[in-house]
Each structure stands twice: as C-alpha cells, then as structure tokens.
C-alpha atoms as a PDB file:
ATOM      1  CA  MET A   1     -56.540 -95.013 -17.946  1.00  0.00           C
ATOM      2  CA  GLU A   2     -54.063 -93.185 -15.730  1.00  0.00           C
ATOM      3  CA  GLU A   3     -54.879 -90.243 -13.491  1.00  0.00           C
ATOM      4  CA  ALA A   4     -53.552 -86.870 -14.685  1.00  0.00           C
ATOM      5  CA  GLY A   5     -51.895 -85.559 -11.536  1.00  0.00           C
ATOM      6  CA  PRO A   6     -54.234 -84.964  -8.589  1.00  0.00           C
ATOM      7  CA  TRP A   7     -57.221 -84.749 -10.949  1.00  0.00           C
ATOM      8  CA  GLY A   8     -58.678 -87.387 -13.184  1.00  0.00           C
ATOM      9  CA  LEU A   9     -58.499 -86.922 -16.934  1.00  0.00           C
ATOM     10  CA  SER A  10     -62.224 -86.168 -17.125  1.00  0.00           C
ATOM     11  CA  GLN A  11     -61.876 -83.374 -14.552  1.00  0.00           C
ATOM     12  CA  LEU A  12     -58.917 -81.938 -16.445  1.00  0.00           C
ATOM     13  CA  LEU A  13     -60.878 -81.951 -19.719  1.00  0.00           C
ATOM     14  CA  LEU A  14     -63.828 -80.300 -17.966  1.00  0.00           C
ATOM     15  CA  TRP A  15     -61.599 -77.481 -16.676  1.00  0.00           C
ATOM     16  CA  LEU A  16     -59.960 -77.005 -20.078  1.00  0.00           C
ATOM     17  CA  GLY A  17     -63.385 -76.796 -21.745  1.00  0.00           C
ATOM     18  CA  LEU A  18     -64.516 -74.240 -19.178  1.00  0.00           C
ATOM     19  CA  LEU A  19     -61.398 -72.134 -19.770  1.00  0.00           C
ATOM     20  CA  LEU A  20     -61.960 -72.245 -23.534  1.00  0.00           C
ATOM     21  CA  CYS A  21     -65.572 -71.115 -23.099  1.00  0.00           C
ATOM     22  CA  ILE A  22     -64.537 -68.243 -20.829  1.00  0.00           C
ATOM     23  CA  SER A  23     -61.774 -67.107 -23.191  1.00  0.00           C
ATOM     24  CA  GLY A  24     -64.224 -67.288 -26.103  1.00  0.00           C
ATOM     25  CA  LEU A  25     -66.656 -65.036 -24.254  1.00  0.00           C
ATOM     26  CA  GLN A  26     -63.912 -62.534 -23.516  1.00  0.00           C
ATOM     27  CA  ALA A  27     -62.806 -62.457 -27.149  1.00  0.00           C
ATOM     28  CA  GLY A  28     -66.288 -61.349 -28.283  1.00  0.00           C
ATOM     29  CA  GLY A  29     -67.179 -57.689 -28.724  1.00  0.00           C
ATOM     30  CA  LYS A  30     -67.239 -55.825 -25.441  1.00  0.00           C
ATOM     31  CA  GLU A  31     -70.161 -53.597 -24.588  1.00  0.00           C
ATOM     32  CA  GLU A  32     -70.592 -50.539 -22.430  1.00  0.00           C
ATOM     33  CA  GLN A  33     -74.096 -49.594 -21.327  1.00  0.00           C
ATOM     34  CA  LYS A  34     -75.223 -45.994 -21.283  1.00  0.00           C
ATOM     35  CA  CYS A  35     -78.534 -44.551 -20.174  1.00  0.00           C
ATOM     36  CA  LEU A  36     -80.834 -43.316 -22.887  1.00  0.00           C
ATOM     37  CA  LEU A  37     -82.228 -40.134 -21.376  1.00  0.00           C
ATOM     38  CA  GLU A  38     -84.787 -38.751 -23.800  1.00  0.00           C
ATOM     39  CA  GLY A  39     -84.072 -35.242 -25.041  1.00  0.00           C
ATOM     40  CA  LYS A  40     -80.458 -35.312 -23.833  1.00  0.00           C
ATOM     41  CA  ASN A  41     -77.381 -35.534 -26.062  1.00  0.00           C
ATOM     42  CA  LEU A  42     -74.956 -38.449 -26.037  1.00  0.00           C
ATOM     43  CA  THR A  43     -71.310 -37.623 -26.680  1.00  0.00           C
ATOM     44  CA  MET A  44     -68.498 -40.122 -26.655  1.00  0.00           C
ATOM     45  CA  THR A  45     -64.944 -40.347 -27.911  1.00  0.00           C
ATOM     46  CA  CYS A  46     -63.297 -43.222 -29.741  1.00  0.00           C
ATOM     47  CA  PRO A  47     -59.485 -43.249 -29.704  1.00  0.00           C
ATOM     48  CA  TYR A  48     -57.564 -44.902 -32.538  1.00  0.00           C
ATOM     49  CA  SER A  49     -54.000 -45.599 -33.658  1.00  0.00           C
ATOM     50  CA  ILE A  50     -52.646 -42.438 -35.241  1.00  0.00           C
ATOM     51  CA  ARG A  51     -50.148 -44.399 -37.348  1.00  0.00           C
ATOM     52  CA  LEU A  52     -52.706 -46.828 -38.731  1.00  0.00           C
ATOM     53  CA  TYR A  53     -55.922 -44.866 -39.137  1.00  0.00           C
ATOM     54  CA  SER A  54     -55.321 -41.098 -39.112  1.00  0.00           C
ATOM     55  CA  LEU A  55     -56.182 -40.796 -42.819  1.00  0.00           C
ATOM     56  CA  SER A  56     -58.974 -43.403 -42.865  1.00  0.00           C
ATOM     57  CA  LEU A  57     -62.693 -42.699 -42.982  1.00  0.00           C
ATOM     58  CA  LYS A  58     -64.583 -43.082 -39.681  1.00  0.00           C
ATOM     59  CA  ALA A  59     -68.214 -44.019 -39.094  1.00  0.00           C
ATOM     60  CA  TRP A  60     -70.875 -44.394 -36.396  1.00  0.00           C
ATOM     61  CA  GLN A  61     -73.035 -47.477 -36.867  1.00  0.00           C
ATOM     62  CA  TRP A  62     -76.127 -49.092 -35.450  1.00  0.00           C
ATOM     63  CA  VAL A  63     -75.488 -52.808 -34.931  1.00  0.00           C
ATOM     64  CA  ARG A  64     -78.556 -54.817 -35.847  1.00  0.00           C
ATOM     65  CA  SER A  65     -79.274 -58.136 -34.198  1.00  0.00           C
ATOM     66  CA  LEU A  66     -79.227 -59.767 -37.643  1.00  0.00           C
ATOM     67  CA  GLY A  67     -77.410 -58.660 -40.749  1.00  0.00           C
ATOM     68  CA  SER A  68     -74.711 -56.092 -41.260  1.00  0.00           C
ATOM     69  CA  PRO A  69     -74.433 -52.863 -39.235  1.00  0.00           C
ATOM     70  CA  GLU A  70     -76.180 -49.763 -40.572  1.00  0.00           C
ATOM     71  CA  THR A  71     -73.896 -46.749 -41.073  1.00  0.00           C
ATOM     72  CA  LEU A  72     -75.595 -43.681 -39.598  1.00  0.00           C
ATOM     73  CA  VAL A  73     -72.868 -41.131 -40.343  1.00  0.00           C
ATOM     74  CA  LEU A  74     -69.579 -41.392 -42.247  1.00  0.00           C
ATOM     75  CA  THR A  75     -66.764 -38.885 -42.695  1.00  0.00           C
ATOM     76  CA  ASN A  76     -66.306 -38.000 -46.353  1.00  0.00           C
ATOM     77  CA  SER A  77     -62.783 -36.590 -46.326  1.00  0.00           C
ATOM     78  CA  ARG A  78     -59.320 -37.700 -45.335  1.00  0.00           C
ATOM     79  CA  ASN A  79     -58.205 -34.351 -43.951  1.00  0.00           C
ATOM     80  CA  THR A  80     -55.068 -34.450 -41.806  1.00  0.00           C
ATOM     81  CA  ASP A  81     -56.321 -31.738 -39.426  1.00  0.00           C
ATOM     82  CA  PHE A  82     -60.057 -32.240 -38.962  1.00  0.00           C
ATOM     83  CA  SER A  83     -62.996 -33.996 -40.579  1.00  0.00           C
ATOM     84  CA  PHE A  84     -66.650 -33.388 -39.802  1.00  0.00           C
ATOM     85  CA  ALA A  85     -69.787 -35.159 -40.918  1.00  0.00           C
ATOM     86  CA  GLN A  86     -73.445 -34.803 -39.964  1.00  0.00           C
ATOM     87  CA  ALA A  87     -76.421 -36.912 -40.913  1.00  0.00           C
ATOM     88  CA  GLY A  88     -79.613 -35.839 -39.169  1.00  0.00           C
ATOM     89  CA  ARG A  89     -79.075 -35.985 -35.408  1.00  0.00           C
ATOM     90  CA  TYR A  90     -75.688 -37.740 -35.726  1.00  0.00           C
ATOM     91  CA  LEU A  91     -72.462 -35.725 -35.657  1.00  0.00           C
ATOM     92  CA  LEU A  92     -69.016 -37.193 -36.206  1.00  0.00           C
ATOM     93  CA  GLU A  93     -65.810 -35.209 -35.700  1.00  0.00           C
ATOM     94  CA  ASP A  94     -62.427 -36.730 -36.527  1.00  0.00           C
ATOM     95  CA  TYR A  95     -59.310 -35.181 -34.976  1.00  0.00           C
ATOM     96  CA  PRO A  96     -56.393 -37.006 -36.685  1.00  0.00           C
ATOM     97  CA  THR A  97     -53.721 -35.011 -34.827  1.00  0.00           C
ATOM     98  CA  GLU A  98     -55.249 -36.208 -31.532  1.00  0.00           C
ATOM     99  CA  ALA A  99     -56.155 -39.683 -32.899  1.00  0.00           C
ATOM    100  CA  VAL A 100     -59.721 -39.485 -31.659  1.00  0.00           C
ATOM    101  CA  VAL A 101     -63.226 -39.484 -33.123  1.00  0.00           C
ATOM    102  CA  LYS A 102     -65.955 -37.629 -31.260  1.00  0.00           C
ATOM    103  CA  VAL A 103     -69.516 -38.842 -31.839  1.00  0.00           C
ATOM    104  CA  THR A 104     -72.596 -36.908 -30.740  1.00  0.00           C
ATOM    105  CA  VAL A 105     -76.217 -38.009 -30.955  1.00  0.00           C
ATOM    106  CA  ILE A 106     -78.474 -34.971 -30.537  1.00  0.00           C
ATOM    107  CA  GLY A 107     -81.803 -35.228 -28.730  1.00  0.00           C
ATOM    108  CA  LEU A 108     -81.945 -38.897 -27.796  1.00  0.00           C
ATOM    109  CA  GLN A 109     -85.287 -40.557 -28.457  1.00  0.00           C
ATOM    110  CA  ARG A 110     -86.844 -43.733 -27.069  1.00  0.00           C
ATOM    111  CA  GLN A 111     -86.352 -45.546 -30.386  1.00  0.00           C
ATOM    112  CA  ASP A 112     -82.576 -44.861 -30.220  1.00  0.00           C
ATOM    113  CA  GLY A 113     -82.166 -47.793 -27.832  1.00  0.00           C
ATOM    114  CA  GLY A 114     -79.831 -50.445 -29.188  1.00  0.00           C
ATOM    115  CA  LEU A 115     -76.222 -51.333 -29.880  1.00  0.00           C
ATOM    116  CA  TYR A 116     -73.821 -48.904 -31.609  1.00  0.00           C
ATOM    117  CA  GLN A 117     -70.188 -48.888 -32.650  1.00  0.00           C
ATOM    118  CA  CYS A 118     -67.543 -46.417 -33.725  1.00  0.00           C
ATOM    119  CA  VAL A 119     -65.480 -47.800 -36.620  1.00  0.00           C
ATOM    120  CA  VAL A 120     -62.697 -47.149 -39.079  1.00  0.00           C
ATOM    121  CA  PHE A 121     -64.418 -47.568 -42.434  1.00  0.00           C
ATOM    122  CA  LEU A 122     -61.806 -49.156 -44.691  1.00  0.00           C
ATOM    123  CA  SER A 123     -64.547 -50.580 -46.939  1.00  0.00           C
ATOM    124  CA  PRO A 124     -68.137 -51.743 -46.399  1.00  0.00           C
ATOM    125  CA  ASP A 125     -66.786 -55.240 -45.721  1.00  0.00           C
ATOM    126  CA  ASN A 126     -63.653 -54.169 -43.842  1.00  0.00           C
ATOM    127  CA  LEU A 127     -64.406 -52.347 -40.592  1.00  0.00           C
ATOM    128  CA  VAL A 128     -62.240 -51.872 -37.508  1.00  0.00           C
ATOM    129  CA  VAL A 129     -64.196 -51.312 -34.285  1.00  0.00           C
ATOM    130  CA  LEU A 130     -62.441 -48.512 -32.394  1.00  0.00           C
ATOM    131  CA  HIS A 131     -64.033 -48.661 -28.974  1.00  0.00           C
ATOM    132  CA  ASP A 132     -66.230 -50.924 -26.878  1.00  0.00           C
ATOM    133  CA  ARG A 133     -69.663 -51.055 -28.426  1.00  0.00           C
ATOM    134  CA  ILE A 134     -72.239 -48.812 -26.759  1.00  0.00           C
ATOM    135  CA  ARG A 135     -75.629 -50.185 -25.768  1.00  0.00           C
ATOM    136  CA  LEU A 136     -78.187 -47.453 -25.146  1.00  0.00           C
ATOM    137  CA  VAL A 137     -80.757 -48.689 -22.649  1.00  0.00           C
ATOM    138  CA  GLN A 138     -83.825 -47.099 -21.109  1.00  0.00           C
ATOM    139  CA  CYS A 139     -82.985 -45.852 -17.629  1.00  0.00           C
ATOM    140  CA  GLN A 140     -85.437 -44.740 -15.046  1.00  0.00           C
ATOM    141  CA  ASP A 141     -84.976 -41.008 -14.512  1.00  0.00           C
ATOM    142  CA  GLN A 142     -86.797 -41.427 -11.203  1.00  0.00           C
ATOM    143  CA  LEU A 143     -84.322 -44.045  -9.969  1.00  0.00           C
ATOM    144  CA  VAL A 144     -81.411 -41.748 -10.779  1.00  0.00           C
ATOM    145  CA  MET A 145     -83.188 -38.878  -9.009  1.00  0.00           C
ATOM    146  CA  VAL A 146     -83.844 -41.027  -5.916  1.00  0.00           C
ATOM    147  CA  ILE A 147     -80.174 -42.000  -5.744  1.00  0.00           C
ATOM    148  CA  VAL A 148     -79.039 -38.385  -6.122  1.00  0.00           C
ATOM    149  CA  LEU A 149     -81.517 -37.156  -3.502  1.00  0.00           C
ATOM    150  CA  THR A 150     -80.580 -39.930  -1.075  1.00  0.00           C
ATOM    151  CA  CYS A 151     -76.872 -39.172  -1.399  1.00  0.00           C
ATOM    152  CA  GLY A 152     -77.563 -35.453  -0.991  1.00  0.00           C
ATOM    153  CA  PHE A 153     -79.706 -36.117   2.081  1.00  0.00           C
ATOM    154  CA  ILE A 154     -77.000 -38.257   3.689  1.00  0.00           C
ATOM    155  CA  LEU A 155     -74.258 -35.730   2.916  1.00  0.00           C
ATOM    156  CA  ASN A 156     -76.428 -32.864   4.149  1.00  0.00           C
ATOM    157  CA  LYS A 157     -77.213 -34.635   7.439  1.00  0.00           C
ATOM    158  CA  GLY A 158     -73.542 -35.465   7.905  1.00  0.00           C
ATOM    159  CA  LEU A 159     -72.621 -31.812   7.435  1.00  0.00           C
ATOM    160  CA  VAL A 160     -75.330 -30.622   9.846  1.00  0.00           C
ATOM    161  CA  PHE A 161     -74.286 -33.106  12.535  1.00  0.00           C
ATOM    162  CA  SER A 162     -70.612 -32.157  12.081  1.00  0.00           C
ATOM    163  CA  VAL A 163     -71.387 -28.456  12.567  1.00  0.00           C
ATOM    164  CA  LEU A 164     -73.567 -29.236  15.605  1.00  0.00           C
ATOM    165  CA  PHE A 165     -70.792 -31.345  17.090  1.00  0.00           C
ATOM    166  CA  VAL A 166     -68.278 -28.506  16.708  1.00  0.00           C
ATOM    167  CA  PHE A 167     -70.671 -25.999  18.320  1.00  0.00           C
ATOM    168  CA  LEU A 168     -71.492 -28.367  21.170  1.00  0.00           C
ATOM    169  CA  CYS A 169     -67.817 -28.972  21.839  1.00  0.00           C
ATOM    170  CA  LYS A 170     -67.140 -25.226  21.979  1.00  0.00           C
ATOM    171  CA  ALA A 171     -70.226 -24.414  24.036  1.00  0.00           C
ATOM    172  CA  GLY A 172     -70.048 -27.479  26.269  1.00  0.00           C
ATOM    173  CA  PRO A 173     -69.713 -27.333  30.048  1.00  0.00           C
ATOM    174  CA  LYS A 174     -66.565 -25.654  31.228  1.00  0.00           C
ATOM    175  CA  VAL A 175     -64.782 -27.096  34.187  1.00  0.00           C
ATOM    176  CA  SER A 176     -63.655 -24.186  36.245  1.00  0.00           C
ATOM    177  CA  GLN A 177     -60.191 -24.459  37.608  1.00  0.00           C
ATOM    178  CA  PRO A 178     -58.864 -22.216  40.290  1.00  0.00           C
ATOM    179  CA  SER A 179     -57.163 -19.252  38.779  1.00  0.00           C
ATOM    180  CA  LYS A 180     -53.601 -18.334  39.584  1.00  0.00           C
ATOM    181  CA  MET A 181     -54.790 -15.213  41.367  1.00  0.00           C
ATOM    182  CA  SER A 182     -56.974 -17.121  43.826  1.00  0.00           C
ATOM    183  CA  GLU A 183     -54.136 -19.537  44.510  1.00  0.00           C
ATOM    184  CA  VAL A 184     -51.857 -16.609  45.326  1.00  0.00           C
ATOM    185  CA  GLN A 185     -54.505 -15.010  47.550  1.00  0.00           C
ATOM    186  CA  GLY A 186     -54.978 -18.254  49.438  1.00  0.00           C
ATOM    187  CA  VAL A 187     -51.271 -18.495  50.154  1.00  0.00           C
ATOM    188  CA  SER A 188     -50.990 -14.869  51.327  1.00  0.00           C
ATOM    189  CA  GLU A 189     -53.908 -15.223  53.758  1.00  0.00           C
ATOM    190  CA  LYS A 190     -52.110 -17.981  55.615  1.00  0.00           C
END
C-alpha cells in the first residue's frame, strides 16, 4: 500500500479518528459550573432568538442522568410583553421584547446539586436548549473565603508598602547644595 504524503495511511486514519472524536465531544451539550452556596439565590439569564421564540413557552428543567428532563417551572402564557411563572422556589421571567429569560432559584439547598437547563418548550418532546447547561456543584465556602482574604491581604500590603515608599522618598536624606546667597557672599569676600 502506498504512503499518504509524509504520513502512512494508518497514521492518517488515526488522526482523522481523533479529530472525529474531538468534534463529537464539542457537539455535545456544553456545561457551565456554578457554586451551590446554601441559602443563597441563583439567578441567570438565557438569551434566545426574538424572531423564533418570542411567543413560545419557556421552562427551567432538571436534567436527570437517565430519562427525560423534569420541568421545574414553565411559563403559562404567550404574552408579548412579559410572562412570569413560579413553582415553589423556582421563578421564571420571560422578557420577549428583550429576548431573554431570567431564572431564579431561591434559597439554594444541598439537594439542588445537579444539571439544569433553560429551554424553549415547544412540546414535551420538542425542546430547544437556550443556554449552556448549568451544573450546580458543592463549593467550599472556606476555600472561597481563603482566596478572598489572601487577595485582600496582598492588595493591602501592596498599598501599605506603596504609601511607605512615597513617605520615605519625601522624607529621605536631603543633599544640601550651596545656596545662591552663599555663592554670592563667597565671591564678594574675595
């Protein structure tokens, strides 16, 4: 069998297979991770095409590992100005004139961890995912606090050293130079 350019045919097939795998991974649903901070609210916006979906129903869903997604809240009107729906701790606001859905989860709880999606609800079997899926994960509050405190400490020390440097430069040793008056006096004495 002939060589395919500088590579052998087997190497070329290996590279093509790798590219297909990578493109297949990219085509899958994208995810964005957000910290699940208990007691806090989560608010996010999902933009959509105003021409295609301004009058469609919108929903916020929990994506199960197996089976179909569970709809947690669904708008119930096709208002051209504003639609609002609430189911328990889940709020969904649709602003068709701005082509955006705003989703709020009130008082996050530990069991809220998981994968969620904002969708256009054309029918139970016909959904259009509007935004990257959101994965709520447990985050260590202490780790976040340590990072914030460390950054604050570094910034604070930088500010203190900058102020000290300015004061030291202003209060540093002065090199005395002969004044004009003493130069004139020296010349007149001669």
